[in-house]
Amino acid sequence: MFKPQLKKSLPGADLTVRSLPAKGQQSAELNGDFDMEQIFWLADFADPISFMGILQSSNPQDYGKYKDAYFDKQYQEAESSHAADVKQYWQNMRNLQERLNTTMPVVPLYQMVESHLVNPRLKGVLRHPVGEDDYTRAYLNE
């Protein structure tokens, strides 16, 4: 399904689509043996810096080998200003996003979203900001 969509969007493009087992995919990622890759990334915590960090030049998970001095500088400034200057932090976040919009090292295809229909008597659910709800302590209040 992926290849026909790309061929339609990019007429004349020469495409080879490879589906690899996990070990083969990891090897291709580490060696940079791809032009485009579809991967899944979920933030570790509810802050955009969790998404931005993966694209730093020094990040070992930057499989696409994105190198951008301006992006790295803005990221470092955001990290150092986070606690001291919240306004500056968010300005750095906007600068990072604008840079990504311009250079396009990644193309988000979808955002994972969950919907829950919850009985109002259900209590004890821990709701985490990154979307992982914990039902281990949940109970129905009579």
Protein backbone atom coordinates (compact mmCIF):
# COMPACT_ATOMS: atom_id res chain seq x y z
CA MET A 1 0.00 0.00 0.00
CA PHE A 2 2.83 2.42 0.81
CA LYS A 3 4.60 2.12 -2.55
CA PRO A 4 1.52 2.86 -4.75
CA GLN A 5 0.78 5.96 -2.67
CA LEU A 6 4.34 7.21 -3.09
CA LYS A 7 4.37 6.44 -6.82
CA LYS A 8 1.15 8.42 -7.22
CA SER A 9 2.48 11.38 -5.19
CA LEU A 10 5.97 11.26 -6.74
CA PRO A 11 5.54 10.26 -10.38
CA GLY A 12 8.80 9.10 -11.91
CA ALA A 13 10.36 8.28 -8.54
CA ASP A 14 12.36 5.06 -8.46
CA LEU A 15 11.25 3.22 -5.32
CA THR A 16 12.32 0.05 -3.64
CA VAL A 17 10.37 -0.86 -0.53
CA ARG A 18 11.97 -3.30 1.88
CA SER A 19 10.23 -4.99 4.75
CA LEU A 20 12.87 -6.23 7.16
CA PRO A 21 12.84 -8.40 10.26
CA ALA A 22 13.69 -6.53 13.47
CA LYS A 23 17.40 -7.42 13.40
CA GLY A 24 17.72 -6.37 9.76
CA GLN A 25 15.90 -3.10 10.43
CA GLN A 26 18.15 -2.27 13.38
CA SER A 27 21.23 -2.95 11.30
CA ALA A 28 19.96 -0.78 8.43
CA GLU A 29 19.14 2.04 10.89
CA LEU A 30 22.55 1.96 12.57
CA ASN A 31 24.37 1.88 9.22
CA GLY A 32 22.16 4.53 7.61
CA ASP A 33 21.24 2.05 4.88
CA PHE A 34 17.99 3.75 3.81
CA ASP A 35 16.69 6.89 2.15
CA MET A 36 13.38 6.94 3.97
CA GLU A 37 12.11 4.98 6.96
CA GLN A 38 8.80 4.70 8.74
CA ILE A 39 9.25 4.44 12.50
CA PHE A 40 7.20 4.95 15.65
CA TRP A 41 8.21 7.48 18.28
CA LEU A 42 6.35 8.19 21.51
CA ALA A 43 7.36 10.97 23.89
CA ASP A 44 8.82 9.86 27.20
CA PHE A 45 7.24 12.80 29.00
CA ALA A 46 4.73 15.55 28.21
CA ASP A 47 7.04 18.20 26.78
CA PRO A 48 7.96 18.87 23.14
CA ILE A 49 11.66 18.66 23.99
CA SER A 50 11.17 14.88 24.22
CA PHE A 51 10.45 14.86 20.48
CA MET A 52 13.13 17.40 19.61
CA GLY A 53 15.94 15.59 21.39
CA ILE A 54 15.96 12.65 18.99
CA LEU A 55 17.00 14.96 16.14
CA GLN A 56 20.13 16.35 17.80
CA SER A 57 23.32 15.61 15.87
CA SER A 58 24.75 13.84 18.92
CA ASN A 59 21.73 11.59 19.57
CA PRO A 60 22.51 7.92 18.78
CA GLN A 61 18.84 7.39 17.82
CA ASP A 62 19.10 10.04 15.08
CA TYR A 63 19.07 7.28 12.45
CA GLY A 64 18.50 9.74 9.60
CA LYS A 65 21.76 11.48 10.57
CA TYR A 66 20.09 14.90 10.71
CA LYS A 67 22.84 17.46 11.21
CA ASP A 68 21.91 21.09 11.65
CA ALA A 69 24.05 23.48 13.71
CA TYR A 70 21.18 25.95 14.21
CA PHE A 71 18.86 23.18 15.43
CA ASP A 72 21.52 21.86 17.84
CA LYS A 73 22.19 25.37 19.20
CA GLN A 74 18.49 26.07 19.77
CA TYR A 75 18.08 22.70 21.48
CA GLN A 76 21.02 23.33 23.82
CA GLU A 77 19.67 26.80 24.66
CA ALA A 78 16.23 25.32 25.37
CA GLU A 79 17.72 22.70 27.68
CA SER A 80 19.74 25.26 29.62
CA SER A 81 16.93 27.87 29.85
CA HIS A 82 14.10 25.47 30.76
CA ALA A 83 14.11 26.04 34.51
CA ALA A 84 15.52 29.58 34.57
CA ASP A 85 13.60 31.30 31.78
CA VAL A 86 10.34 29.67 30.69
CA LYS A 87 9.63 32.37 28.11
CA GLN A 88 13.02 31.79 26.46
CA TYR A 89 12.45 28.03 26.58
CA TRP A 90 9.21 28.29 24.59
CA GLN A 91 10.84 30.67 22.13
CA ASN A 92 13.54 28.04 21.54
CA MET A 93 10.83 25.40 21.08
CA ARG A 94 9.15 27.57 18.43
CA ASN A 95 12.51 28.12 16.72
CA LEU A 96 13.14 24.37 16.70
CA GLN A 97 9.73 23.66 15.19
CA GLU A 98 10.16 26.34 12.52
CA ARG A 99 13.55 24.86 11.62
CA LEU A 100 12.04 21.38 11.30
CA ASN A 101 9.24 22.79 9.14
CA THR A 102 11.87 24.32 6.85
CA THR A 103 14.38 21.47 6.67
CA MET A 104 11.85 18.59 6.92
CA PRO A 105 14.08 15.80 8.26
CA VAL A 106 10.95 14.00 9.49
CA VAL A 107 7.39 13.88 8.21
CA PRO A 108 4.79 13.05 10.85
CA LEU A 109 2.22 10.69 9.35
CA TYR A 110 -0.10 10.37 12.31
CA GLN A 111 -0.43 11.14 15.99
CA MET A 112 -1.42 8.38 18.34
CA VAL A 113 -4.66 9.22 20.14
CA GLU A 114 -6.88 7.16 22.41
CA SER A 115 -10.47 7.78 23.44
CA HIS A 116 -11.99 6.25 26.54
CA LEU A 117 -15.63 5.93 27.46
CA VAL A 118 -15.45 5.91 31.25
CA ASN A 119 -18.11 5.02 33.78
CA PRO A 120 -18.29 7.97 36.23
CA ARG A 121 -18.14 5.43 39.08
CA LEU A 122 -14.66 4.33 37.98
CA LYS A 123 -12.10 5.69 40.43
CA GLY A 124 -8.39 5.22 41.05
CA VAL A 125 -7.21 5.50 37.44
CA LEU A 126 -3.84 7.25 37.13
CA ARG A 127 -3.83 9.46 34.05
CA HIS A 128 -0.34 10.20 32.77
CA PRO A 129 0.32 13.25 30.57
CA VAL A 130 1.85 11.19 27.74
CA GLY A 131 -1.31 9.12 27.36
CA GLU A 132 -0.50 5.94 29.26
CA ASP A 133 -3.37 5.39 31.69
CA ASP A 134 -2.75 3.04 34.61
CA TYR A 135 -5.76 0.93 35.59
CA THR A 136 -3.93 -1.27 38.12
CA ARG A 137 -5.48 0.57 41.08
CA ALA A 138 -8.89 1.19 39.46
CA TYR A 139 -12.11 0.25 41.18
CA LEU A 140 -15.85 0.93 40.81
CA ASN A 141 -17.29 3.19 43.49
CA GLU A 142 -20.73 1.98 44.53
